[in-house]
């Protein structure tokens, strides 16, 4: 693995100018952080014409492009079919012809863009961020940010040292109800978090399966070696190319796709960067279709300050593909009640009642009812396109920050920190050992040893 990584970085350095982090061509970080005027059209390239790009990101972008004076000018995809489909789709939705590039090297060499929207395979996000940062292009990057700590460190360093405007695609961070929840918890009114319960349940045997496409694609249609990037070489496999979310080490599956959204709110609301420890297990219990990532999993996190091990709280996260009962759940508990992000209500449910308190010579502790959806909290963006459309608001926030050079709602720290939690969960799932984090070396440990995939 180490040899594979070194070869990847060496080859990329020779071809593209490297996965480097300094400011190129004499352009200082200070001069790069200019404020764009409204008359300066921001030209955007799509990196990876994925289902996510087609179904959410490009529509969100198009909804704001006229007002913000942004334009999609091209699409980079290593699969010829996706290039053609992307070009036709953007012309239909955005109303303009676009350039197609066979890969990111061609796109950056062409130098016709100011920013990129990255929605490629899970394991590629951080490395594609490095390429964007090296080319000094602002980036909206789908989550998960990274599936290994090496990739996460590379990506964070590139963003920090290049000065680009970065938005991780954790759209909850642009949701008005989530901002209201964050404000309520940080105000102290909620009390200390004592427990968090999260779940994401579906009954979808076809989730992340693309049987028709896998039967149609040929290796000659794409660039398999470029796709693999720094993962170990293996022969062409259309399922690992198109159904990558089912196969480690191209994706962690449930942690990277779903848990990353929800665990990010724990970091945001608590101010803690990552768990102290994670224990987890799971398996492929029903959908035995050749996948390597689990169809069911449960993880238990301990969070708390590193300098006071007596303080903290627990997070329980569970997810399954095999039964949809319970759906999606995000509930924060304090001694006085709960904050429920499905109902958007703060209530005294489960709080310390007067009867229980009297037995211990204590006062009751019950939260007053509060509706998060009626909060006067304003999301950091100047437009209101609908409180329920978080992806639209998140895209708009990025576009505004590209102009103002302000920090986005989803900065690099958010992507880096949810990656730590994801990787700790993956380590615990795949080794059966408790995962911890080495703060000094920024490494995930499983049973006290560095987790290697």
Protein backbone atom coordinates (compact mmCIF):
# COMPACT_ATOMS: atom_id res chain seq x y z
CA UNK A 1 0.00 0.00 0.00
CA UNK A 2 2.78 2.46 0.89
CA UNK A 3 4.45 1.77 -2.45
CA UNK A 4 1.16 2.30 -4.28
CA UNK A 5 0.62 5.64 -2.55
CA UNK A 6 4.17 6.82 -3.26
CA UNK A 7 3.86 5.89 -6.92
CA UNK A 8 0.53 7.73 -7.20
CA UNK A 9 1.93 10.92 -5.71
CA UNK A 10 5.12 10.71 -7.78
CA UNK A 11 3.23 10.19 -11.05
CA UNK A 12 0.73 12.93 -10.28
CA UNK A 13 3.56 15.32 -9.47
CA UNK A 14 5.15 14.68 -12.84
CA UNK A 15 1.93 15.02 -14.82
CA UNK A 16 0.06 17.85 -13.12
CA UNK A 17 2.60 19.84 -11.20
CA UNK A 18 2.06 17.75 -8.13
CA UNK A 19 -0.10 17.36 -5.09
CA UNK A 20 1.63 20.43 -3.72
CA UNK A 21 0.38 22.98 -1.29
CA UNK A 22 2.39 26.15 -1.86
CA UNK A 23 1.18 29.11 -3.88
CA UNK A 24 2.18 28.68 -7.52
CA UNK A 25 3.19 31.18 -10.21
CA UNK A 26 4.11 33.90 -7.73
CA UNK A 27 0.48 34.29 -6.62
CA UNK A 28 0.40 34.95 -2.89
CA UNK A 29 -2.37 33.68 -0.64
CA UNK A 30 -3.19 37.30 0.21
CA UNK A 31 -3.56 38.42 -3.40
CA UNK A 32 -5.53 35.29 -4.26
CA UNK A 33 -8.14 36.08 -1.62
CA UNK A 34 -9.56 38.90 -3.66
CA UNK A 35 -13.19 39.94 -3.50
CA UNK A 36 -14.85 39.27 -6.83
CA UNK A 37 -17.08 41.98 -8.22
CA UNK A 38 -20.63 41.23 -9.33
CA UNK A 39 -19.62 41.86 -12.94
CA UNK A 40 -16.98 39.13 -12.83
CA UNK A 41 -18.63 35.95 -14.02
CA UNK A 42 -17.48 32.91 -12.06
CA UNK A 43 -16.82 30.00 -14.40
CA UNK A 44 -17.41 26.57 -12.90
CA UNK A 45 -16.35 23.10 -13.99
CA UNK A 46 -18.20 19.92 -12.98
CA UNK A 47 -15.80 17.22 -11.78
CA UNK A 48 -17.69 13.96 -12.21
CA UNK A 49 -21.15 13.95 -13.79
CA UNK A 50 -22.62 11.67 -11.15
CA UNK A 51 -26.21 10.98 -10.13
CA UNK A 52 -25.66 13.40 -7.23
CA UNK A 53 -24.49 16.11 -9.62
CA UNK A 54 -27.44 15.54 -11.92
CA UNK A 55 -30.09 15.09 -9.26
CA UNK A 56 -29.16 17.80 -6.77
CA UNK A 57 -26.00 19.82 -7.21
CA UNK A 58 -26.45 21.15 -10.72
CA UNK A 59 -30.15 21.99 -10.18
CA UNK A 60 -29.20 23.81 -6.96
CA UNK A 61 -26.50 25.71 -8.83
CA UNK A 62 -28.78 26.62 -11.74
CA UNK A 63 -31.34 28.01 -9.33
CA UNK A 64 -28.88 30.73 -8.27
CA UNK A 65 -26.56 31.13 -11.26
CA UNK A 66 -28.27 34.17 -12.81
CA UNK A 67 -28.44 36.21 -9.64
CA UNK A 68 -24.92 35.27 -8.58
CA UNK A 69 -23.46 35.60 -12.11
CA UNK A 70 -22.05 32.08 -12.13
CA UNK A 71 -21.91 29.76 -15.12
CA UNK A 72 -21.07 26.09 -15.68
CA UNK A 73 -18.63 26.07 -18.57
CA UNK A 74 -17.49 22.45 -18.70
CA UNK A 75 -17.61 18.92 -17.36
CA UNK A 76 -14.66 16.63 -16.59
CA UNK A 77 -15.35 12.91 -16.49
CA UNK A 78 -13.16 9.96 -17.40
CA UNK A 79 -16.15 8.00 -18.81
CA UNK A 80 -17.09 9.09 -22.33
CA UNK A 81 -20.78 8.39 -21.75
CA UNK A 82 -20.94 10.62 -18.71
CA UNK A 83 -19.14 13.41 -20.53
CA UNK A 84 -21.71 13.36 -23.31
CA UNK A 85 -24.65 13.05 -20.91
CA UNK A 86 -23.29 15.84 -18.74
CA UNK A 87 -22.83 18.17 -21.68
CA UNK A 88 -26.38 17.56 -22.90
CA UNK A 89 -27.90 17.89 -19.42
CA UNK A 90 -26.12 21.15 -18.61
CA UNK A 91 -27.16 22.62 -21.96
CA UNK A 92 -30.77 21.68 -21.16
CA UNK A 93 -30.78 22.97 -17.59
CA UNK A 94 -28.36 25.89 -17.72
CA UNK A 95 -28.96 26.95 -21.29
CA UNK A 96 -25.37 27.02 -22.53
CA UNK A 97 -22.94 24.79 -24.39
CA UNK A 98 -20.07 23.43 -22.32
CA UNK A 99 -16.58 22.07 -22.89
CA UNK A 100 -15.92 18.42 -22.11
CA UNK A 101 -12.61 17.27 -20.66
CA UNK A 102 -11.41 13.66 -20.52
CA UNK A 103 -9.84 14.18 -17.10
CA UNK A 104 -8.99 16.85 -14.55
CA UNK A 105 -5.52 17.38 -15.94
CA UNK A 106 -7.03 18.49 -19.24
CA UNK A 107 -9.49 20.73 -17.43
CA UNK A 108 -6.92 22.51 -15.29
CA UNK A 109 -4.44 22.82 -18.17
CA UNK A 110 -7.20 24.45 -20.23
CA UNK A 111 -7.54 27.04 -17.41
CA UNK A 112 -11.02 28.21 -18.37
CA UNK A 113 -12.55 27.87 -14.91
CA UNK A 114 -12.48 29.65 -11.55
CA UNK A 115 -14.11 26.96 -9.41
CA UNK A 116 -15.24 23.33 -9.41
CA UNK A 117 -18.05 21.19 -8.08
CA UNK A 118 -16.64 17.76 -7.17
CA UNK A 119 -18.98 14.75 -7.00
CA UNK A 120 -16.83 11.78 -7.87
CA UNK A 121 -16.36 8.43 -6.07
CA UNK A 122 -16.16 8.63 -2.27
CA UNK A 123 -12.45 7.77 -2.04
CA UNK A 124 -11.54 10.40 -4.63
CA UNK A 125 -13.00 13.52 -2.97
CA UNK A 126 -9.97 14.55 -0.92
CA UNK A 127 -7.52 13.82 -3.72
CA UNK A 128 -9.60 15.74 -6.24
CA UNK A 129 -9.70 18.58 -3.71
CA UNK A 130 -5.90 18.56 -3.71
CA UNK A 131 -5.91 18.94 -7.49
CA UNK A 132 -8.35 21.85 -7.26
CA UNK A 133 -6.32 23.54 -4.53
CA UNK A 134 -3.12 23.08 -6.50
CA UNK A 135 -4.80 24.78 -9.45
CA UNK A 136 -6.16 27.54 -7.13
CA UNK A 137 -9.79 26.74 -7.91
CA UNK A 138 -12.49 27.16 -5.27
CA UNK A 139 -14.32 23.91 -4.59
CA UNK A 140 -17.70 22.56 -3.53
CA UNK A 141 -16.93 18.94 -2.57
CA UNK A 142 -19.41 16.17 -1.90
CA UNK A 143 -19.10 14.23 1.31
CA UNK A 144 -17.53 12.10 2.64
CA UNK A 145 -14.39 14.16 2.46
CA UNK A 146 -12.01 11.22 2.90
CA UNK A 147 -12.05 7.51 3.69
CA UNK A 148 -8.45 7.28 4.94
CA UNK A 149 -6.51 9.58 7.24
CA UNK A 150 -3.68 9.96 4.73
CA UNK A 151 -6.10 11.32 2.13
CA UNK A 152 -7.81 13.51 4.74
CA UNK A 153 -4.52 15.09 5.82
CA UNK A 154 -3.49 15.73 2.21
CA UNK A 155 -6.81 17.38 1.44
CA UNK A 156 -6.90 19.57 4.53
CA UNK A 157 -3.34 20.76 4.07
CA UNK A 158 -4.00 21.62 0.42
CA UNK A 159 -7.07 23.70 1.25
CA UNK A 160 -5.46 25.50 4.17
CA UNK A 161 -2.29 26.44 2.30
CA UNK A 162 -3.88 27.36 -1.03
CA UNK A 163 -6.48 29.80 0.33
CA UNK A 164 -9.30 28.43 -1.83
CA UNK A 165 -12.93 28.72 -0.73
CA UNK A 166 -14.05 25.23 0.26
CA UNK A 167 -17.51 23.87 1.02
CA UNK A 168 -18.04 20.27 2.14
CA UNK A 169 -21.40 18.98 0.93
CA UNK A 170 -22.88 18.51 4.40
CA UNK A 171 -26.02 20.48 3.59
CA UNK A 172 -27.44 20.27 7.11
CA UNK A 173 -25.00 23.08 7.87
CA UNK A 174 -27.17 25.39 5.77
CA UNK A 175 -30.48 24.25 7.25
CA UNK A 176 -32.31 26.86 9.34
CA UNK A 177 -33.53 24.24 11.83
CA UNK A 178 -29.98 22.94 12.37
CA UNK A 179 -28.70 26.47 12.93
CA UNK A 180 -31.52 26.97 15.45
CA UNK A 181 -30.57 23.72 17.20
CA UNK A 182 -26.92 24.72 17.34
CA UNK A 183 -27.81 28.12 18.81
CA UNK A 184 -30.18 26.57 21.38
CA UNK A 185 -27.63 24.01 22.60
CA UNK A 186 -24.76 26.49 22.72
CA UNK A 187 -26.91 29.00 24.64
CA UNK A 188 -26.93 26.61 27.60
CA UNK A 189 -30.73 26.36 27.68
CA UNK A 190 -30.62 22.70 26.67
CA UNK A 191 -28.13 21.68 29.35
CA UNK A 192 -25.31 19.21 28.85
CA UNK A 193 -25.78 16.62 26.12
CA UNK A 194 -26.00 13.22 27.83
CA UNK A 195 -26.90 11.00 24.86
CA UNK A 196 -27.57 11.15 21.12
CA UNK A 197 -29.51 8.59 19.10
CA UNK A 198 -29.21 8.50 15.32
CA UNK A 199 -30.48 6.09 12.69
CA UNK A 200 -30.90 5.80 8.92
CA UNK A 201 -33.01 2.85 7.82
CA UNK A 202 -34.21 1.81 4.36
CA UNK A 203 -35.49 -1.39 2.74
CA UNK A 204 -33.78 -1.16 -0.60
CA UNK A 205 -31.97 -4.18 -2.07
CA UNK A 206 -31.14 -2.04 -5.10
CA UNK A 207 -29.61 0.83 -3.14
CA UNK A 208 -26.33 1.79 -4.83
CA UNK A 209 -26.81 -1.00 -7.41
CA UNK A 210 -26.58 -0.15 -11.13
CA UNK A 211 -26.94 -3.52 -12.93
CA UNK A 212 -27.94 -2.06 -16.29
CA UNK A 213 -25.01 0.32 -16.46
CA UNK A 214 -22.51 -2.28 -15.24
CA UNK A 215 -23.58 -4.55 -18.09
CA UNK A 216 -23.10 -1.78 -20.64
CA UNK A 217 -19.84 -0.08 -19.68
CA UNK A 218 -16.54 -1.30 -21.17
CA UNK A 219 -13.07 -0.66 -19.83
CA UNK A 220 -12.17 1.07 -23.10
CA UNK A 221 -14.91 3.64 -22.41
CA UNK A 222 -13.11 5.02 -19.40
CA UNK A 223 -9.72 5.28 -17.68
CA UNK A 224 -9.53 2.57 -15.04
CA UNK A 225 -6.01 3.36 -13.84
CA UNK A 226 -6.82 7.03 -13.40
CA UNK A 227 -9.98 6.02 -11.52
CA UNK A 228 -8.01 3.94 -9.00
CA UNK A 229 -5.79 6.90 -8.07
CA UNK A 230 -3.87 5.74 -4.95
CA UNK A 231 -5.86 2.55 -4.34
CA UNK A 232 -4.13 -0.80 -5.06
CA UNK A 233 -4.23 -1.83 -8.69
CA UNK A 234 -6.63 -4.60 -9.58
CA UNK A 235 -8.12 -5.73 -12.90
CA UNK A 236 -11.09 -3.87 -14.38
CA UNK A 237 -14.31 -4.40 -12.46
CA UNK A 238 -17.37 -2.45 -13.64
CA UNK A 239 -19.13 -2.97 -10.31
CA UNK A 240 -16.31 -1.33 -8.38
CA UNK A 241 -16.35 1.51 -10.87
CA UNK A 242 -20.10 2.16 -10.84
CA UNK A 243 -21.24 0.53 -7.59
CA UNK A 244 -18.22 1.67 -5.60
CA UNK A 245 -20.30 2.43 -2.49
CA UNK A 246 -20.67 -1.32 -1.98
CA UNK A 247 -16.93 -2.01 -2.03
CA UNK A 248 -14.16 -1.14 0.39
CA UNK A 249 -11.64 0.56 -0.01
CA UNK A 250 -13.48 2.68 -2.59
CA UNK A 251 -16.14 3.59 -0.04
CA UNK A 252 -17.00 2.75 3.55
CA UNK A 253 -20.65 2.49 2.52
CA UNK A 254 -23.03 3.46 5.30
CA UNK A 255 -20.53 5.51 7.38
CA UNK A 256 -19.35 7.64 4.48
CA UNK A 257 -22.69 8.07 2.76
CA UNK A 258 -25.14 8.49 5.61
CA UNK A 259 -23.43 8.64 8.97
CA UNK A 260 -21.15 11.47 7.84
CA UNK A 261 -24.19 13.78 7.56
CA UNK A 262 -25.49 13.01 11.02
CA UNK A 263 -22.28 12.67 13.01
CA UNK A 264 -21.20 16.06 11.65
CA UNK A 265 -23.99 17.71 13.65
CA UNK A 266 -22.52 16.22 16.85
CA UNK A 267 -19.21 17.97 16.16
CA UNK A 268 -20.99 21.19 15.24
CA UNK A 269 -23.32 21.35 18.23
CA UNK A 270 -20.85 20.11 20.85
CA UNK A 271 -17.72 21.90 19.63
CA UNK A 272 -15.81 18.60 19.81
CA UNK A 273 -13.69 17.65 16.81
CA UNK A 274 -14.00 13.88 16.94
CA UNK A 275 -14.93 10.93 19.16
CA UNK A 276 -12.71 9.73 21.97
CA UNK A 277 -13.50 6.14 21.00
CA UNK A 278 -15.74 4.05 18.74
CA UNK A 279 -16.93 0.46 19.04
CA UNK A 280 -18.93 -1.03 16.16
CA UNK A 281 -20.10 -4.18 14.46
CA UNK A 282 -22.22 -5.18 11.51
CA UNK A 283 -22.43 -7.50 8.59
CA UNK A 284 -23.98 -8.48 5.27
CA UNK A 285 -26.99 -10.20 6.75
CA UNK A 286 -29.42 -10.26 3.83
CA UNK A 287 -28.33 -8.71 0.53
CA UNK A 288 -25.63 -11.21 -0.46
CA UNK A 289 -24.96 -9.87 -3.93
CA UNK A 290 -21.16 -9.76 -3.87
CA UNK A 291 -20.90 -6.50 -1.94
CA UNK A 292 -18.15 -6.04 0.63
CA UNK A 293 -19.67 -3.20 2.65
CA UNK A 294 -22.21 -4.06 5.31
CA UNK A 295 -25.98 -3.88 4.85
CA UNK A 296 -26.45 -3.43 8.61
CA UNK A 297 -24.29 -1.74 11.24
CA UNK A 298 -24.35 -0.18 14.69
CA UNK A 299 -21.66 2.01 16.21
CA UNK A 300 -21.28 3.44 19.70
CA UNK A 301 -19.27 6.63 20.13
CA UNK A 302 -17.89 8.25 23.25
CA UNK A 303 -17.44 12.01 23.01
CA UNK A 304 -15.91 14.35 25.52
CA UNK A 305 -13.00 16.70 26.20
CA UNK A 306 -9.61 15.02 25.94
CA UNK A 307 -8.39 16.72 29.11
CA UNK A 308 -11.31 15.57 31.29
CA UNK A 309 -12.25 11.93 30.80
CA UNK A 310 -14.99 12.15 33.43
CA UNK A 311 -17.03 14.43 31.17
CA UNK A 312 -18.72 13.30 28.02
CA UNK A 313 -21.67 11.62 26.38
CA UNK A 314 -22.53 8.69 24.17
CA UNK A 315 -23.79 8.57 20.59
CA UNK A 316 -25.48 5.46 19.22
CA UNK A 317 -25.78 5.24 15.44
CA UNK A 318 -27.54 2.40 13.61
CA UNK A 319 -28.41 1.83 9.98
CA UNK A 320 -29.82 -0.97 7.87
CA UNK A 321 -30.80 -1.66 4.26
CA UNK A 322 -33.12 -4.50 5.22
CA UNK A 323 -36.10 -2.87 6.96
CA UNK A 324 -37.16 0.76 6.82
CA UNK A 325 -39.00 0.93 10.15
CA UNK A 326 -37.85 3.92 12.18
CA UNK A 327 -36.60 5.77 9.11
CA UNK A 328 -34.15 8.56 9.85
CA UNK A 329 -33.73 9.79 13.41
CA UNK A 330 -31.62 12.45 15.13
CA UNK A 331 -32.45 13.01 18.79
CA UNK A 332 -30.29 14.84 21.35
CA UNK A 333 -30.98 14.20 25.04
CA UNK A 334 -30.21 16.24 28.12
CA UNK A 335 -31.29 15.67 31.71
CA UNK A 336 -34.18 18.07 31.07
CA UNK A 337 -35.62 16.56 27.88
CA UNK A 338 -34.90 16.12 24.19
CA UNK A 339 -34.13 18.04 21.02
CA UNK A 340 -35.63 16.14 18.09
CA UNK A 341 -34.43 17.14 14.62
CA UNK A 342 -37.12 15.08 12.89
CA UNK A 343 -39.98 16.92 14.56
CA UNK A 344 -37.93 20.12 15.03
CA UNK A 345 -39.21 20.28 18.60
CA UNK A 346 -37.52 20.74 21.94
CA UNK A 347 -39.63 19.11 24.66
CA UNK A 348 -39.39 17.92 28.26
CA UNK A 349 -39.77 14.31 27.13
CA UNK A 350 -37.73 12.12 29.50
CA UNK A 351 -36.65 15.05 31.68
CA UNK A 352 -36.17 14.82 35.42
CA UNK A 353 -39.65 14.91 36.94
CA UNK A 354 -40.55 16.45 40.29
CA UNK A 355 -41.31 13.07 41.83
CA UNK A 356 -37.97 11.54 40.84
CA UNK A 357 -36.12 14.68 41.87
CA UNK A 358 -37.70 14.83 45.35
CA UNK A 359 -36.51 11.32 46.16
CA UNK A 360 -32.94 12.57 45.84
CA UNK A 361 -33.48 15.98 47.40
CA UNK A 362 -33.18 17.67 44.00
CA UNK A 363 -35.27 20.06 41.95
CA UNK A 364 -37.09 18.92 38.84
CA UNK A 365 -35.42 19.65 35.51
CA UNK A 366 -37.85 19.96 32.60
CA UNK A 367 -37.23 21.89 29.38
CA UNK A 368 -39.79 24.35 28.12
CA UNK A 369 -41.31 23.48 24.75
CA UNK A 370 -39.58 25.19 21.85
CA UNK A 371 -40.15 24.97 18.09
CA UNK A 372 -36.89 25.05 16.14
CA UNK A 373 -38.70 25.78 12.88
CA UNK A 374 -40.04 29.04 14.31
CA UNK A 375 -36.63 30.31 15.38
CA UNK A 376 -35.50 33.71 14.17
CA UNK A 377 -32.04 32.33 13.44
CA UNK A 378 -30.84 33.28 9.96
CA UNK A 379 -28.63 30.99 7.95
CA UNK A 380 -25.43 32.63 6.71
CA UNK A 381 -26.68 33.51 3.25
CA UNK A 382 -28.42 36.53 1.82
CA UNK A 383 -31.27 34.81 0.01
CA UNK A 384 -34.24 32.72 1.04
CA UNK A 385 -35.14 30.00 -1.44
CA UNK A 386 -37.06 27.80 0.96
CA UNK A 387 -36.13 26.51 4.37
CA UNK A 388 -36.54 22.86 3.34
CA UNK A 389 -34.16 22.99 0.40
CA UNK A 390 -30.89 22.64 2.27
CA UNK A 391 -28.82 21.67 -0.77
CA UNK A 392 -29.96 24.80 -2.58
CA UNK A 393 -29.10 26.96 0.42
CA UNK A 394 -25.76 25.20 0.83
CA UNK A 395 -24.84 25.77 -2.80
CA UNK A 396 -25.86 29.42 -2.52
CA UNK A 397 -23.72 29.86 0.59
CA UNK A 398 -20.70 28.55 -1.32
CA UNK A 399 -21.37 30.85 -4.27
CA UNK A 400 -21.67 33.87 -1.98
CA UNK A 401 -18.44 32.96 -0.20
CA UNK A 402 -16.59 32.54 -3.49
CA UNK A 403 -17.39 36.22 -4.07
CA UNK A 404 -16.84 37.54 -0.55
CA UNK A 405 -13.95 35.18 0.36
CA UNK A 406 -15.71 34.54 3.66
CA UNK A 407 -15.69 31.16 5.38
CA UNK A 408 -18.43 28.80 4.23
CA UNK A 409 -21.00 27.03 6.39
CA UNK A 410 -19.13 23.77 5.70
CA UNK A 411 -15.41 24.59 6.02
CA UNK A 412 -12.55 22.15 5.64
CA UNK A 413 -12.52 21.45 9.39
CA UNK A 414 -16.04 20.01 9.14
CA UNK A 415 -15.06 17.63 6.35
CA UNK A 416 -11.85 16.62 8.08
CA UNK A 417 -13.58 15.96 11.40
CA UNK A 418 -16.43 13.87 10.01
CA UNK A 419 -13.77 11.86 8.17
CA UNK A 420 -12.09 11.05 11.48
CA UNK A 421 -15.37 9.75 12.89
CA UNK A 422 -16.06 7.75 9.71
CA UNK A 423 -12.61 6.20 9.63
CA UNK A 424 -12.76 5.33 13.32
CA UNK A 425 -16.07 3.58 12.65
CA UNK A 426 -14.64 1.73 9.65
CA UNK A 427 -11.64 0.64 11.72
CA UNK A 428 -13.89 -0.69 14.48
CA UNK A 429 -16.18 -2.46 11.99
CA UNK A 430 -13.38 -4.13 10.07
CA UNK A 431 -11.13 -5.14 12.95
CA UNK A 432 -13.61 -5.80 15.74
CA UNK A 433 -11.43 -3.63 17.99
CA UNK A 434 -12.18 -0.37 19.74
CA UNK A 435 -10.97 2.58 17.68
CA UNK A 436 -9.30 5.64 19.19
CA UNK A 437 -7.53 8.67 17.76
CA UNK A 438 -3.87 9.63 18.03
CA UNK A 439 -4.09 13.42 18.25
CA UNK A 440 -0.37 14.03 17.87
CA UNK A 441 0.03 12.02 14.66
CA UNK A 442 -3.55 12.47 13.40
CA UNK A 443 -4.00 8.74 12.98
CA UNK A 444 -6.89 6.37 13.71
CA UNK A 445 -5.88 3.49 15.96
CA UNK A 446 -7.58 0.10 16.25
CA UNK A 447 -6.51 -1.82 19.32
CA UNK A 448 -3.69 0.69 19.77
CA UNK A 449 -2.23 0.19 16.27
CA UNK A 450 -2.55 2.46 13.26
CA UNK A 451 -5.48 1.30 11.14
CA UNK A 452 -4.34 0.29 7.66
CA UNK A 453 -6.81 -0.68 4.96
